[in-house]
Amino acid sequence: MGNPKAFLEIHRQEAGYRPIHDRIHDFGEVEQTLNTRERKLQASRCMDCGVPFCHWACPLGNKPPEWNDALYQGDWELAYQLLNATNPFPEFTGRICPALCEKACVLNLVEHEPTTNREDECAITEAAFREGFITLHHPERNGKKIAVIGSGPAGLAAANDLNLMGYQVTVFEKNEAAGGLLRYGIPNFKLNKAIIDRRLHLLEQEGIQFRYGEAVDYAAVAQQQTGPFDAIVIATGTPTARDLKVPGRELKGVHFALELLAQQNRVLAGMEFSKDERITAKGKDVLVIGGGDTGSDCIGTAHRQGCKSVTQIEIMPKPVEGPIDPNNPWPNFPRTLKTTSSHEEGCIRRWNINTLEFIGKDGRLTGVKVQEKGKEPEIIKAELVLLAMGFLRPEHPQYPENVFVCGDAANGASLVVRAMASGKNIAKQVDQFLTK
């Protein structure tokens, strides 16, 4: 621990976001970066606690005190080695993780100014790519083959670990490119897709094979028709969104959130859609139903598409404001009111709202009848509704013993970092099964 008094002398400093008037006109990443000196100062605030609750909170078991100290000392290569020892893709979590470790930081309990672990993580990884600290691994092959179905964070984490163990790994992806939720669910203004492609290029160089546009028949897998593979890992996420089956659901203008988000990401990647296929908020009053991160992503996307207004409604009560959640005290993750960069760009937010009916004219949506708890129904004007109410946990048939399920496909929708941890854990289980 290089500076034991740093947390007393240096306040938490976040890099912040690009100015609103600038960022809403493009899909570039909104988050900025600190310079090297400021980043090292932020890393110095880590106290190397006697009981580091950040370890406990991180699903991957990251060890921030170790790599923060290396960062403070200026040893960026060591910092990346320590970080990558537990986290296979810190460039992803460094951008989109809610930082469970920061909420469990002792400095969050005492001063509500936790160490900037997530930003430090991202800075360390970008330095590693920039300076060439990342080396390719070419493990000796053991002659066994593994199929990974799905290339989201869980599938990629499982494939990466199994490949490093010596297995020949083939990843099957039904879409045209890998990444799953990272590519088709998270907007570019939070995660530039070039970041995903950069990592995929490394995985391919290390021997992982990717096969795109291939959907897998689960019934065949359940019937032990596993082809040439010694084991199969299913990491297909939660593809079925929770629907809202109220009158008027069939009206044109009512869409699932991922229909908008995935299509917009594909447009940015160069794919073209007809006028009838295109989902756009341009010039429209938009209503987002659902108060989570996906709903927030819809708000930011709607602004960049040129919407007229955005309203977000949530059926649950408004979370408590401030850093402390009485129902989930430190070091647990607090369920407090979260204001994202998208909310800052302009949004009416309401809670305790139940959706009763979609209203339209000539088959097109014009408004939504809602009711706030304890009040009379009202109509919110909207030409575009985005349903962001979460996803249904998938049901699986009985698989043979050499088939393993991980990530959201096994546990239901959750965080990217939890999906990655599940993928790593299932890789260990596969290895134990094939070597027992």
Protein backbone atom coordinates (compact mmCIF):
# COMPACT_ATOMS: atom_id res chain seq x y z
CA MET A 1 0.00 0.00 0.00
CA GLY A 2 1.86 3.02 -1.30
CA ASN A 3 0.00 5.88 0.38
CA PRO A 4 -1.90 4.89 3.54
CA LYS A 5 -3.29 8.42 4.00
CA ALA A 6 -4.51 9.01 0.46
CA PHE A 7 -8.15 8.31 1.30
CA LEU A 8 -7.96 11.11 3.89
CA GLU A 9 -6.47 13.66 1.51
CA ILE A 10 -7.93 12.85 -1.91
CA HIS A 11 -11.63 12.91 -2.73
CA ARG A 12 -13.32 10.58 -5.19
CA GLN A 13 -13.14 12.00 -8.70
CA GLU A 14 -15.13 10.49 -11.54
CA ALA A 15 -14.30 11.11 -15.18
CA GLY A 16 -17.87 12.20 -15.88
CA TYR A 17 -19.75 12.35 -19.16
CA ARG A 18 -19.41 14.32 -22.34
CA PRO A 19 -21.61 17.46 -22.41
CA ILE A 20 -25.26 16.67 -23.11
CA HIS A 21 -25.51 19.07 -26.05
CA ASP A 22 -22.63 17.21 -27.67
CA ARG A 23 -23.32 13.56 -26.90
CA ILE A 24 -27.01 13.33 -27.84
CA HIS A 25 -26.11 13.88 -31.49
CA ASP A 26 -24.05 10.72 -31.87
CA PHE A 27 -23.66 7.20 -30.51
CA GLY A 28 -20.09 7.63 -29.30
CA GLU A 29 -19.33 6.53 -25.76
CA VAL A 30 -20.59 9.12 -23.29
CA GLU A 31 -18.06 8.45 -20.54
CA GLN A 32 -14.83 10.41 -20.47
CA THR A 33 -11.45 9.44 -18.98
CA LEU A 34 -9.09 10.96 -16.46
CA ASN A 35 -5.48 11.67 -17.30
CA THR A 36 -2.78 9.32 -16.03
CA ARG A 37 -1.87 11.42 -12.99
CA GLU A 38 -5.49 11.75 -11.83
CA ARG A 39 -6.14 8.07 -12.39
CA LYS A 40 -3.16 7.07 -10.27
CA LEU A 41 -4.34 9.40 -7.52
CA GLN A 42 -7.75 7.75 -7.56
CA ALA A 43 -6.13 4.32 -7.32
CA SER A 44 -4.12 5.51 -4.32
CA ARG A 45 -7.34 5.99 -2.35
CA CYS A 46 -7.77 2.20 -2.04
CA MET A 47 -7.01 1.43 1.61
CA ASP A 48 -6.01 -2.24 1.30
CA CYS A 49 -8.56 -2.98 4.05
CA GLY A 50 -8.00 -5.74 6.57
CA VAL A 51 -11.28 -7.23 5.36
CA PRO A 52 -11.72 -6.10 1.73
CA PHE A 53 -15.45 -6.39 1.12
CA CYS A 54 -14.89 -5.56 -2.57
CA HIS A 55 -13.65 -9.17 -2.95
CA TRP A 56 -16.86 -10.45 -1.38
CA ALA A 57 -19.13 -8.27 -3.51
CA CYS A 58 -17.57 -9.03 -6.90
CA PRO A 59 -19.04 -12.15 -8.54
CA LEU A 60 -15.70 -12.69 -10.29
CA GLY A 61 -13.69 -12.35 -7.09
CA ASN A 62 -11.73 -9.38 -8.40
CA LYS A 63 -9.07 -8.03 -6.05
CA PRO A 64 -9.12 -4.23 -6.40
CA PRO A 65 -6.59 -3.53 -3.59
CA GLU A 66 -3.92 -5.44 -5.50
CA TRP A 67 -4.34 -3.89 -8.92
CA ASN A 68 -5.17 -0.44 -7.56
CA ASP A 69 -1.85 -0.43 -5.72
CA ALA A 70 0.01 -1.54 -8.86
CA LEU A 71 -1.74 1.24 -10.77
CA TYR A 72 -0.79 3.82 -8.13
CA GLN A 73 2.83 2.64 -8.32
CA GLY A 74 2.75 3.12 -12.09
CA ASP A 75 3.13 -0.57 -12.93
CA TRP A 76 0.28 -0.80 -15.44
CA GLU A 77 1.41 -4.17 -16.77
CA LEU A 78 1.28 -5.78 -13.32
CA ALA A 79 -2.05 -4.09 -12.70
CA TYR A 80 -3.48 -5.74 -15.80
CA GLN A 81 -2.02 -9.13 -14.92
CA LEU A 82 -3.64 -8.99 -11.48
CA LEU A 83 -6.94 -7.81 -12.94
CA ASN A 84 -7.00 -10.35 -15.77
CA ALA A 85 -6.24 -13.18 -13.34
CA THR A 86 -9.87 -13.05 -12.21
CA ASN A 87 -11.62 -11.08 -14.96
CA PRO A 88 -11.33 -12.35 -18.55
CA PHE A 89 -12.85 -9.24 -20.15
CA PRO A 90 -12.26 -6.19 -17.93
CA GLU A 91 -12.80 -3.88 -20.90
CA PHE A 92 -16.50 -4.86 -20.79
CA THR A 93 -17.11 -4.65 -17.05
CA GLY A 94 -14.97 -1.52 -16.86
CA ARG A 95 -17.63 0.19 -18.97
CA ILE A 96 -20.98 -1.33 -18.00
CA CYS A 97 -20.70 -2.97 -14.59
CA PRO A 98 -22.73 -1.33 -11.79
CA ALA A 99 -19.62 -1.83 -9.64
CA LEU A 100 -20.86 -4.00 -6.79
CA CYS A 101 -17.34 -3.71 -5.38
CA GLU A 102 -17.67 0.05 -5.02
CA LYS A 103 -20.92 -0.23 -3.09
CA ALA A 104 -19.16 -2.64 -0.70
CA CYS A 105 -16.08 -0.43 -0.39
CA VAL A 106 -15.31 0.62 3.19
CA LEU A 107 -14.99 4.19 1.94
CA ASN A 108 -18.59 3.96 0.74
CA LEU A 109 -19.66 3.12 4.28
CA VAL A 110 -17.66 5.89 5.92
CA GLU A 111 -17.69 8.79 3.45
CA HIS A 112 -19.89 7.57 0.59
CA GLU A 113 -16.87 8.14 -1.64
CA PRO A 114 -15.75 4.64 -2.68
CA THR A 115 -12.65 3.95 -4.73
CA THR A 116 -13.27 4.33 -8.47
CA ASN A 117 -12.69 0.64 -9.15
CA ARG A 118 -14.72 0.42 -12.35
CA GLU A 119 -13.03 3.39 -14.02
CA ASP A 120 -9.63 2.21 -12.80
CA GLU A 121 -10.36 -1.22 -14.28
CA CYS A 122 -11.20 0.27 -17.66
CA ALA A 123 -8.12 2.52 -17.65
CA ILE A 124 -5.84 -0.40 -16.78
CA THR A 125 -7.23 -2.52 -19.61
CA GLU A 126 -7.05 0.23 -22.21
CA ALA A 127 -3.43 0.84 -21.22
CA ALA A 128 -2.74 -2.89 -21.60
CA PHE A 129 -4.12 -2.90 -25.15
CA ARG A 130 -2.38 0.34 -26.01
CA GLU A 131 1.03 -0.66 -24.65
CA GLY A 132 0.97 -4.26 -25.86
CA PHE A 133 0.84 -5.87 -22.42
CA ILE A 134 -1.70 -8.46 -23.58
CA THR A 135 -0.05 -11.62 -24.85
CA LEU A 136 -1.61 -14.47 -26.79
CA HIS A 137 -1.89 -17.92 -25.26
CA HIS A 138 -1.50 -21.09 -27.32
CA PRO A 139 -2.28 -23.91 -24.91
CA GLU A 140 -1.40 -27.52 -25.66
CA ARG A 141 -4.51 -29.32 -26.93
CA ASN A 142 -5.89 -32.28 -25.02
CA GLY A 143 -7.80 -33.76 -27.96
CA LYS A 144 -11.30 -33.05 -26.62
CA LYS A 145 -13.88 -30.80 -28.24
CA ILE A 146 -16.40 -28.48 -26.59
CA ALA A 147 -19.38 -26.71 -28.17
CA VAL A 148 -20.54 -23.45 -26.60
CA ILE A 149 -24.00 -22.36 -27.70
CA GLY A 150 -24.33 -18.61 -27.41
CA SER A 151 -21.64 -15.92 -27.51
CA GLY A 152 -22.80 -13.50 -24.85
CA PRO A 153 -20.69 -12.73 -21.77
CA ALA A 154 -21.33 -16.15 -20.19
CA GLY A 155 -20.57 -18.08 -23.36
CA LEU A 156 -17.44 -16.07 -24.11
CA ALA A 157 -16.15 -16.48 -20.55
CA ALA A 158 -16.74 -20.24 -20.64
CA ALA A 159 -15.17 -20.55 -24.09
CA ASN A 160 -12.14 -18.53 -23.02
CA ASP A 161 -11.42 -20.62 -19.91
CA LEU A 162 -12.02 -23.95 -21.66
CA ASN A 163 -9.74 -22.92 -24.51
CA LEU A 164 -6.98 -22.02 -22.07
CA MET A 165 -7.42 -25.45 -20.46
CA GLY A 166 -6.56 -27.07 -23.80
CA TYR A 167 -9.97 -27.94 -25.19
CA GLN A 168 -10.85 -27.23 -28.80
CA VAL A 169 -13.80 -24.84 -28.45
CA THR A 170 -16.39 -24.02 -31.10
CA VAL A 171 -18.87 -21.24 -30.35
CA PHE A 172 -22.23 -21.35 -32.13
CA GLU A 173 -24.09 -18.06 -32.50
CA LYS A 174 -27.51 -17.64 -34.13
CA ASN A 175 -26.86 -13.97 -34.97
CA GLU A 176 -24.46 -12.55 -37.51
CA ALA A 177 -21.84 -11.57 -34.93
CA ALA A 178 -20.74 -12.51 -31.41
CA GLY A 179 -21.42 -10.65 -28.19
CA GLY A 180 -25.01 -11.45 -27.32
CA LEU A 181 -26.40 -8.81 -24.98
CA LEU A 182 -23.12 -6.88 -25.22
CA ARG A 183 -23.63 -6.38 -28.96
CA TYR A 184 -27.38 -6.35 -29.40
CA GLY A 185 -28.71 -5.10 -26.08
CA ILE A 186 -26.30 -2.43 -24.88
CA PRO A 187 -26.15 0.82 -26.90
CA ASN A 188 -22.92 1.95 -28.49
CA PHE A 189 -22.91 5.07 -26.34
CA LYS A 190 -22.19 2.78 -23.38
CA LEU A 191 -20.09 0.12 -25.13
CA ASN A 192 -18.54 0.75 -28.53
CA LYS A 193 -18.76 -2.48 -30.51
CA ALA A 194 -15.17 -2.11 -31.66
CA ILE A 195 -14.26 -3.02 -28.06
CA ILE A 196 -16.02 -6.37 -28.51
CA ASP A 197 -14.43 -7.00 -31.91
CA ARG A 198 -10.98 -6.30 -30.49
CA ARG A 199 -11.41 -9.04 -27.87
CA LEU A 200 -13.00 -11.48 -30.33
CA HIS A 201 -9.97 -11.11 -32.60
CA LEU A 202 -7.74 -12.20 -29.71
CA LEU A 203 -9.97 -15.18 -28.88
CA GLU A 204 -9.86 -16.30 -32.51
CA GLN A 205 -6.08 -15.97 -32.58
CA GLU A 206 -5.92 -18.15 -29.47
CA GLY A 207 -7.82 -20.91 -31.25
CA ILE A 208 -11.54 -20.47 -30.50
CA GLN A 209 -13.71 -21.08 -33.56
CA PHE A 210 -16.87 -19.05 -34.13
CA ARG A 211 -19.76 -20.18 -36.31
CA TYR A 212 -22.39 -17.55 -37.00
CA GLY A 213 -25.97 -17.77 -38.22
CA GLU A 214 -26.39 -21.24 -36.71
CA ALA A 215 -29.28 -21.86 -34.34
CA VAL A 216 -29.01 -25.04 -32.29
CA ASP A 217 -31.81 -27.57 -31.87
CA TYR A 218 -32.21 -28.07 -28.12
CA ALA A 219 -34.33 -31.17 -28.64
CA ALA A 220 -31.44 -32.81 -30.46
CA VAL A 221 -29.09 -31.85 -27.66
CA ALA A 222 -31.51 -33.29 -25.10
CA GLN A 223 -31.61 -36.52 -27.09
CA GLN A 224 -27.83 -36.80 -26.78
CA GLN A 225 -27.27 -35.95 -30.43
CA THR A 226 -24.18 -33.94 -29.59
CA GLY A 227 -22.23 -34.79 -32.70
CA PRO A 228 -18.43 -34.70 -32.42
CA PHE A 229 -18.38 -32.81 -29.12
CA ASP A 230 -17.37 -34.27 -25.79
CA ALA A 231 -19.42 -31.67 -23.92
CA ILE A 232 -21.81 -28.82 -24.68
CA VAL A 233 -22.24 -25.53 -22.81
CA ILE A 234 -25.56 -23.75 -23.28
CA ALA A 235 -25.24 -20.00 -22.77
CA THR A 236 -28.16 -18.62 -24.73
CA GLY A 237 -29.29 -15.99 -22.24
CA THR A 238 -32.92 -15.00 -21.73
CA PRO A 239 -34.29 -14.38 -25.22
CA THR A 240 -37.96 -14.00 -24.23
CA ALA A 241 -38.93 -10.53 -23.00
CA ARG A 242 -41.77 -10.07 -20.53
CA ASP A 243 -44.84 -8.91 -22.46
CA LEU A 244 -47.69 -6.60 -21.46
CA LYS A 245 -50.91 -8.18 -22.71
CA VAL A 246 -53.41 -5.37 -22.34
CA PRO A 247 -55.96 -4.16 -24.93
CA GLY A 248 -54.30 -2.53 -27.93
CA ARG A 249 -51.06 -4.52 -27.71
CA GLU A 250 -51.29 -5.22 -31.44
CA LEU A 251 -51.15 -1.53 -32.42
CA LYS A 252 -48.29 -0.39 -34.62
CA GLY A 253 -45.83 1.47 -32.44
CA VAL A 254 -45.68 -0.92 -29.47
CA HIS A 255 -42.35 -2.76 -29.36
CA PHE A 256 -40.12 -4.68 -27.02
CA ALA A 257 -37.11 -2.64 -25.92
CA LEU A 258 -34.59 -4.98 -27.54
CA GLU A 259 -36.34 -4.62 -30.90
CA LEU A 260 -35.31 -0.97 -30.87
CA LEU A 261 -31.90 -1.43 -29.26
CA ALA A 262 -30.77 -4.37 -31.40
CA GLN A 263 -31.95 -2.74 -34.61
CA GLN A 264 -30.22 0.54 -33.83
CA ASN A 265 -26.95 -1.26 -33.14
CA ARG A 266 -27.31 -3.13 -36.41
CA VAL A 267 -27.93 0.14 -38.26
CA LEU A 268 -24.73 1.55 -36.78
CA ALA A 269 -22.94 -1.60 -37.96
CA GLY A 270 -24.08 -0.91 -41.52
CA MET A 271 -27.22 -3.02 -41.83
CA GLU A 272 -30.12 -1.49 -43.77
CA PHE A 273 -33.83 -1.73 -42.97
CA SER A 274 -36.87 -0.75 -45.01
CA LYS A 275 -39.08 2.13 -43.91
CA ASP A 276 -41.70 -0.31 -42.64
CA GLU A 277 -39.11 -2.34 -40.71
CA ARG A 278 -37.37 0.64 -39.13
CA ILE A 279 -38.21 1.39 -35.52
CA THR A 280 -37.46 5.02 -34.78
CA ALA A 281 -38.36 7.63 -32.19
CA LYS A 282 -37.73 10.55 -34.54
CA GLY A 283 -40.30 13.28 -33.96
CA LYS A 284 -42.36 11.10 -31.61
CA ASP A 285 -43.54 11.20 -28.04
CA VAL A 286 -42.01 8.08 -26.52
CA LEU A 287 -43.19 6.10 -23.49
CA VAL A 288 -40.80 3.60 -21.88
CA ILE A 289 -42.50 1.06 -19.62
CA GLY A 290 -39.98 -0.30 -17.13
CA GLY A 291 -37.56 1.47 -14.82
CA GLY A 292 -34.38 -0.60 -15.17
CA ASP A 293 -31.18 -0.28 -17.18
CA THR A 294 -32.83 -1.47 -20.40
CA GLY A 295 -35.43 1.27 -20.07
CA SER A 296 -32.66 3.79 -19.51
CA ASP A 297 -30.91 2.58 -22.66
CA CYS A 298 -34.14 3.16 -24.59
CA ILE A 299 -34.26 6.74 -23.31
CA GLY A 300 -30.74 7.50 -24.53
CA THR A 301 -31.43 5.84 -27.88
CA ALA A 302 -34.68 7.78 -28.34
CA HIS A 303 -32.87 11.08 -27.78
CA ARG A 304 -30.24 10.21 -30.35
CA GLN A 305 -32.91 9.27 -32.85
CA GLY A 306 -34.50 12.70 -32.44
CA CYS A 307 -37.55 12.06 -30.27
CA LYS A 308 -39.97 14.80 -29.30
CA SER A 309 -40.23 13.72 -25.66
CA VAL A 310 -39.57 10.71 -23.42
CA THR A 311 -41.54 9.50 -20.41
CA GLN A 312 -40.53 6.51 -18.32
CA ILE A 313 -43.03 4.79 -16.03
CA GLU A 314 -42.49 2.07 -13.46
CA ILE A 315 -45.09 -0.08 -11.68
CA MET A 316 -42.98 -0.23 -8.51
CA PRO A 317 -42.70 2.57 -5.92
CA LYS A 318 -40.00 5.21 -6.26
CA PRO A 319 -36.72 4.01 -4.71
CA VAL A 320 -35.26 5.89 -1.79
CA GLU A 321 -33.02 8.81 -2.67
CA GLY A 322 -29.51 9.25 -1.37
CA PRO A 323 -26.64 6.83 -0.80
CA ILE A 324 -28.22 4.76 2.01
CA ASP A 325 -30.83 2.04 1.54
CA PRO A 326 -32.28 1.02 4.95
CA ASN A 327 -33.48 -2.30 3.54
CA ASN A 328 -30.09 -3.20 2.03
CA PRO A 329 -27.42 -1.71 4.27
CA TRP A 330 -23.71 -1.76 3.45
CA PRO A 331 -22.00 -3.84 2.13
CA ASN A 332 -25.06 -5.00 0.17
CA PHE A 333 -25.94 -3.28 -3.09
CA PRO A 334 -28.33 -0.41 -2.26
CA ARG A 335 -31.61 -0.23 -4.15
CA THR A 336 -31.64 3.54 -4.30
CA LEU A 337 -32.77 5.94 -7.01
CA LYS A 338 -30.42 5.69 -9.97
CA THR A 339 -30.00 8.56 -12.40
CA THR A 340 -28.14 7.50 -15.54
CA SER A 341 -26.51 9.56 -18.28
CA SER A 342 -29.65 8.92 -20.36
CA HIS A 343 -31.92 10.30 -17.64
CA GLU A 344 -29.76 13.41 -17.51
CA GLU A 345 -30.45 13.98 -21.20
CA GLY A 346 -34.12 14.62 -20.48
CA CYS A 347 -36.90 12.35 -19.25
CA ILE A 348 -40.13 12.50 -17.24
CA ARG A 349 -39.95 9.72 -14.64
CA ARG A 350 -42.98 8.39 -12.78
CA TRP A 351 -43.55 5.52 -10.35
CA ASN A 352 -46.51 3.47 -9.07
CA ILE A 353 -48.01 3.54 -12.56
CA ASN A 354 -50.07 0.64 -13.94
CA THR A 355 -50.65 0.35 -17.70
CA LEU A 356 -54.28 -0.35 -18.59
CA GLU A 357 -54.61 -0.01 -22.36
CA PHE A 358 -52.83 1.03 -25.55
CA ILE A 359 -54.95 3.49 -27.50
CA GLY A 360 -54.71 4.01 -31.24
CA LYS A 361 -56.28 5.27 -34.43
CA ASP A 362 -56.26 3.47 -37.78
CA GLY A 363 -54.08 0.75 -36.28
CA ARG A 364 -51.41 3.13 -34.99
CA LEU A 365 -50.59 3.98 -31.40
CA THR A 366 -51.62 7.45 -30.18
CA GLY A 367 -51.54 7.09 -26.42
CA VAL A 368 -51.51 4.85 -23.37
CA LYS A 369 -54.14 4.71 -20.64
CA VAL A 370 -52.42 4.41 -17.27
CA GLN A 371 -53.35 4.74 -13.64
CA GLU A 372 -51.24 5.97 -10.78
CA LYS A 373 -51.87 4.19 -7.49
CA GLY A 374 -54.76 5.85 -5.67
CA LYS A 375 -55.64 8.18 -8.58
CA GLU A 376 -57.91 8.26 -11.64
CA PRO A 377 -56.82 6.78 -15.00
CA GLU A 378 -55.18 9.15 -17.44
CA ILE A 379 -53.83 9.04 -20.97
CA ILE A 380 -50.17 9.63 -21.78
CA LYS A 381 -49.65 10.74 -25.36
CA ALA A 382 -47.27 8.41 -27.21
CA GLU A 383 -46.58 7.31 -30.77
CA LEU A 384 -43.91 4.83 -29.66
CA VAL A 385 -44.01 2.53 -26.63
CA LEU A 386 -41.00 0.46 -25.58
CA LEU A 387 -41.58 -2.46 -23.22
CA ALA A 388 -38.57 -2.81 -20.91
CA MET A 389 -40.01 -4.99 -18.17
CA GLY A 390 -37.35 -7.64 -17.96
CA PHE A 391 -37.05 -11.16 -19.34
CA LEU A 392 -38.53 -14.56 -18.61
CA ARG A 393 -36.28 -17.22 -17.20
CA PRO A 394 -36.01 -19.95 -19.86
CA GLU A 395 -37.12 -23.52 -19.25
CA HIS A 396 -34.85 -26.33 -20.38
CA PRO A 397 -35.50 -29.99 -21.14
CA GLN A 398 -33.63 -32.72 -19.30
CA TYR A 399 -30.14 -32.80 -20.79
CA PRO A 400 -27.57 -35.61 -20.74
CA GLU A 401 -24.77 -35.33 -18.19
CA ASN A 402 -22.30 -33.83 -20.68
CA VAL A 403 -24.51 -30.78 -21.31
CA PHE A 404 -24.10 -27.75 -19.01
CA VAL A 405 -26.14 -24.55 -18.73
CA CYS A 406 -24.72 -21.23 -17.53
CA GLY A 407 -25.33 -17.50 -17.34
CA ASP A 408 -28.79 -16.02 -17.74
CA ALA A 409 -29.91 -19.23 -19.47
CA ALA A 410 -29.48 -20.97 -16.11
CA ASN A 411 -30.20 -18.23 -13.59
CA GLY A 412 -32.48 -15.75 -15.32
CA ALA A 413 -31.65 -12.20 -16.36
CA SER A 414 -28.89 -10.63 -14.28
CA LEU A 415 -25.70 -8.60 -14.58
CA VAL A 416 -23.00 -9.08 -17.20
CA VAL A 417 -20.44 -9.65 -14.44
CA ARG A 418 -22.59 -12.43 -12.96
CA ALA A 419 -22.96 -14.04 -16.38
CA MET A 420 -19.20 -14.01 -16.82
CA ALA A 421 -18.70 -15.53 -13.37
CA SER A 422 -21.21 -18.25 -14.21
CA GLY A 423 -19.39 -18.99 -17.47
CA LYS A 424 -16.09 -19.37 -15.66
CA ASN A 425 -17.66 -21.62 -13.04
CA ILE A 426 -19.25 -23.87 -15.66
CA ALA A 427 -15.89 -24.18 -17.43
CA LYS A 428 -14.49 -25.69 -14.22
CA GLN A 429 -17.42 -28.09 -14.02
CA VAL A 430 -16.93 -29.20 -17.63
CA ASP A 431 -13.23 -29.79 -17.00
CA GLN A 432 -13.94 -31.78 -13.85
CA PHE A 433 -16.50 -33.88 -15.71
CA LEU A 434 -14.19 -34.66 -18.63
CA THR A 435 -11.17 -35.42 -16.45
CA LYS A 436 -12.81 -37.39 -13.65
